[in-house]
Amino acid sequence: MPKNVFQFECPCCGKDVEVDTRSGKARAVDPKEKRGKDLDTLIGEQSRASERLDSMFDSARRDQEQQGDRLDQMFSDAADKAKDDDSKPSNPFDLD
């Protein structure tokens, strides 16, 4: 082990901790601890996350379509109202 790396046991969890004094980085080291998950578990988690994100995306798309339809309806209502109104808009430069 290099002179700038110190290793000691954590009093809380019992894991070995390595501290590099040059870089200031620390990491927990436990050789008995399992490192990661198996491939089937990772694929299952990925497919569940993918389904969840697809559902969220579809919901957001539907909401946007509904909002677009609502705005189109409001615009057509305002255009119809403007056609029926024969009055001139007020001129902001009139001194009346």
C-alpha atoms as a PDB file:
ATOM      1  CA  MET A   1       0.000   0.000   0.000  1.00  0.00           C
ATOM      2  CA  PRO A   2       1.416   3.446  -0.908  1.00  0.00           C
ATOM      3  CA  LYS A   3       2.421   5.865   1.835  1.00  0.00           C
ATOM      4  CA  ASN A   4      -0.331   8.330   0.942  1.00  0.00           C
ATOM      5  CA  VAL A   5      -3.168   5.731   1.331  1.00  0.00           C
ATOM      6  CA  PHE A   6      -4.371   4.891   4.819  1.00  0.00           C
ATOM      7  CA  GLN A   7      -6.752   2.064   5.652  1.00  0.00           C
ATOM      8  CA  PHE A   8      -8.816   1.746   8.822  1.00  0.00           C
ATOM      9  CA  GLU A   9     -12.051   0.167  10.040  1.00  0.00           C
ATOM     10  CA  CYS A  10     -15.202   2.302  10.296  1.00  0.00           C
ATOM     11  CA  PRO A  11     -16.509   2.245  13.892  1.00  0.00           C
ATOM     12  CA  CYS A  12     -20.145   2.469  12.728  1.00  0.00           C
ATOM     13  CA  CYS A  13     -20.478  -0.165  10.020  1.00  0.00           C
ATOM     14  CA  GLY A  14     -17.276  -2.179  10.379  1.00  0.00           C
ATOM     15  CA  LYS A  15     -16.209  -1.722   6.740  1.00  0.00           C
ATOM     16  CA  ASP A  16     -12.636  -1.005   5.841  1.00  0.00           C
ATOM     17  CA  VAL A  17     -12.130   2.573   4.655  1.00  0.00           C
ATOM     18  CA  GLU A  18      -9.269   3.679   2.424  1.00  0.00           C
ATOM     19  CA  VAL A  19      -8.309   7.367   2.392  1.00  0.00           C
ATOM     20  CA  ASP A  20      -5.950   8.782  -0.235  1.00  0.00           C
ATOM     21  CA  THR A  21      -4.285  11.863   1.250  1.00  0.00           C
ATOM     22  CA  ARG A  22      -3.073  13.158  -2.120  1.00  0.00           C
ATOM     23  CA  SER A  23      -6.425  13.193  -3.896  1.00  0.00           C
ATOM     24  CA  GLY A  24      -8.583  13.561  -0.775  1.00  0.00           C
ATOM     25  CA  LYS A  25     -10.790  10.660  -1.858  1.00  0.00           C
ATOM     26  CA  ALA A  26     -12.121   8.003   0.460  1.00  0.00           C
ATOM     27  CA  ARG A  27     -13.851   4.717  -0.301  1.00  0.00           C
ATOM     28  CA  ALA A  28     -15.338   1.875   1.663  1.00  0.00           C
ATOM     29  CA  VAL A  29     -13.686  -1.482   1.044  1.00  0.00           C
ATOM     30  CA  ASP A  30     -15.258  -4.768   2.105  1.00  0.00           C
ATOM     31  CA  PRO A  31     -13.931  -7.807   0.239  1.00  0.00           C
ATOM     32  CA  LYS A  32     -16.775 -10.008   1.498  1.00  0.00           C
ATOM     33  CA  GLU A  33     -19.436  -7.658   0.156  1.00  0.00           C
ATOM     34  CA  LYS A  34     -21.112  -8.672  -3.102  1.00  0.00           C
ATOM     35  CA  ARG A  35     -20.248  -6.243  -5.902  1.00  0.00           C
ATOM     36  CA  GLY A  36     -23.323  -5.493  -7.998  1.00  0.00           C
ATOM     37  CA  LYS A  37     -26.371  -7.375  -9.208  1.00  0.00           C
ATOM     38  CA  ASP A  38     -26.720 -10.239 -11.620  1.00  0.00           C
ATOM     39  CA  LEU A  39     -27.700  -9.603 -15.232  1.00  0.00           C
ATOM     40  CA  ASP A  40     -31.274 -10.917 -14.941  1.00  0.00           C
ATOM     41  CA  THR A  41     -32.020  -8.521 -12.079  1.00  0.00           C
ATOM     42  CA  LEU A  42     -30.567  -5.575 -13.991  1.00  0.00           C
ATOM     43  CA  ILE A  43     -32.587  -6.424 -17.121  1.00  0.00           C
ATOM     44  CA  GLY A  44     -35.783  -6.744 -15.074  1.00  0.00           C
ATOM     45  CA  GLU A  45     -35.206  -3.385 -13.392  1.00  0.00           C
ATOM     46  CA  GLN A  46     -34.467  -1.781 -16.759  1.00  0.00           C
ATOM     47  CA  SER A  47     -37.653  -3.131 -18.338  1.00  0.00           C
ATOM     48  CA  ARG A  48     -39.770  -1.918 -15.391  1.00  0.00           C
ATOM     49  CA  ALA A  49     -38.171   1.516 -15.597  1.00  0.00           C
ATOM     50  CA  SER A  50     -38.743   1.574 -19.357  1.00  0.00           C
ATOM     51  CA  GLU A  51     -42.430   0.705 -18.940  1.00  0.00           C
ATOM     52  CA  ARG A  52     -42.838   3.390 -16.277  1.00  0.00           C
ATOM     53  CA  LEU A  53     -41.181   6.037 -18.454  1.00  0.00           C
ATOM     54  CA  ASP A  54     -43.258   5.005 -21.495  1.00  0.00           C
ATOM     55  CA  SER A  55     -46.405   5.391 -19.430  1.00  0.00           C
ATOM     56  CA  MET A  56     -45.330   8.829 -18.223  1.00  0.00           C
ATOM     57  CA  PHE A  57     -44.461   9.916 -21.768  1.00  0.00           C
ATOM     58  CA  ASP A  58     -47.824   8.727 -23.141  1.00  0.00           C
ATOM     59  CA  SER A  59     -49.640  10.568 -20.370  1.00  0.00           C
ATOM     60  CA  ALA A  60     -47.720  13.785 -21.066  1.00  0.00           C
ATOM     61  CA  ARG A  61     -48.383  13.455 -24.803  1.00  0.00           C
ATOM     62  CA  ARG A  62     -52.126  13.030 -24.199  1.00  0.00           C
ATOM     63  CA  ASP A  63     -52.138  16.056 -21.894  1.00  0.00           C
ATOM     64  CA  GLN A  64     -50.390  18.162 -24.544  1.00  0.00           C
ATOM     65  CA  GLU A  65     -52.854  17.058 -27.226  1.00  0.00           C
ATOM     66  CA  GLN A  66     -55.792  17.954 -24.976  1.00  0.00           C
ATOM     67  CA  GLN A  67     -54.268  21.329 -24.209  1.00  0.00           C
ATOM     68  CA  GLY A  68     -53.716  21.970 -27.928  1.00  0.00           C
ATOM     69  CA  ASP A  69     -57.328  21.079 -28.693  1.00  0.00           C
ATOM     70  CA  ARG A  70     -58.524  23.357 -25.890  1.00  0.00           C
ATOM     71  CA  LEU A  71     -56.384  26.260 -27.162  1.00  0.00           C
ATOM     72  CA  ASP A  72     -57.575  25.722 -30.742  1.00  0.00           C
ATOM     73  CA  GLN A  73     -61.178  25.874 -29.526  1.00  0.00           C
ATOM     74  CA  MET A  74     -60.511  29.056 -27.554  1.00  0.00           C
ATOM     75  CA  PHE A  75     -58.868  30.648 -30.608  1.00  0.00           C
ATOM     76  CA  SER A  76     -61.759  29.751 -32.906  1.00  0.00           C
ATOM     77  CA  ASP A  77     -64.247  31.135 -30.328  1.00  0.00           C
ATOM     78  CA  ALA A  78     -62.285  34.383 -30.111  1.00  0.00           C
ATOM     79  CA  ALA A  79     -62.088  34.615 -33.930  1.00  0.00           C
ATOM     80  CA  ASP A  80     -65.879  34.128 -34.217  1.00  0.00           C
ATOM     81  CA  LYS A  81     -66.461  36.796 -31.575  1.00  0.00           C
ATOM     82  CA  ALA A  82     -64.115  39.184 -33.411  1.00  0.00           C
ATOM     83  CA  LYS A  83     -66.016  38.628 -36.692  1.00  0.00           C
ATOM     84  CA  ASP A  84     -69.304  39.552 -35.018  1.00  0.00           C
ATOM     85  CA  ASP A  85     -67.867  42.689 -33.394  1.00  0.00           C
ATOM     86  CA  ASP A  86     -67.970  45.639 -35.849  1.00  0.00           C
ATOM     87  CA  SER A  87     -66.527  48.262 -33.526  1.00  0.00           C
ATOM     88  CA  LYS A  88     -63.126  49.754 -34.210  1.00  0.00           C
ATOM     89  CA  PRO A  89     -60.373  49.165 -31.714  1.00  0.00           C
ATOM     90  CA  SER A  90     -59.460  52.166 -29.626  1.00  0.00           C
ATOM     91  CA  ASN A  91     -56.475  54.188 -30.735  1.00  0.00           C
ATOM     92  CA  PRO A  92     -54.033  54.714 -27.879  1.00  0.00           C
ATOM     93  CA  PHE A  93     -52.888  57.996 -29.439  1.00  0.00           C
ATOM     94  CA  ASP A  94     -56.325  59.618 -29.347  1.00  0.00           C
ATOM     95  CA  LEU A  95     -56.477  62.432 -26.801  1.00  0.00           C
ATOM     96  CA  ASP A  96     -60.205  62.122 -26.126  1.00  0.00           C
END
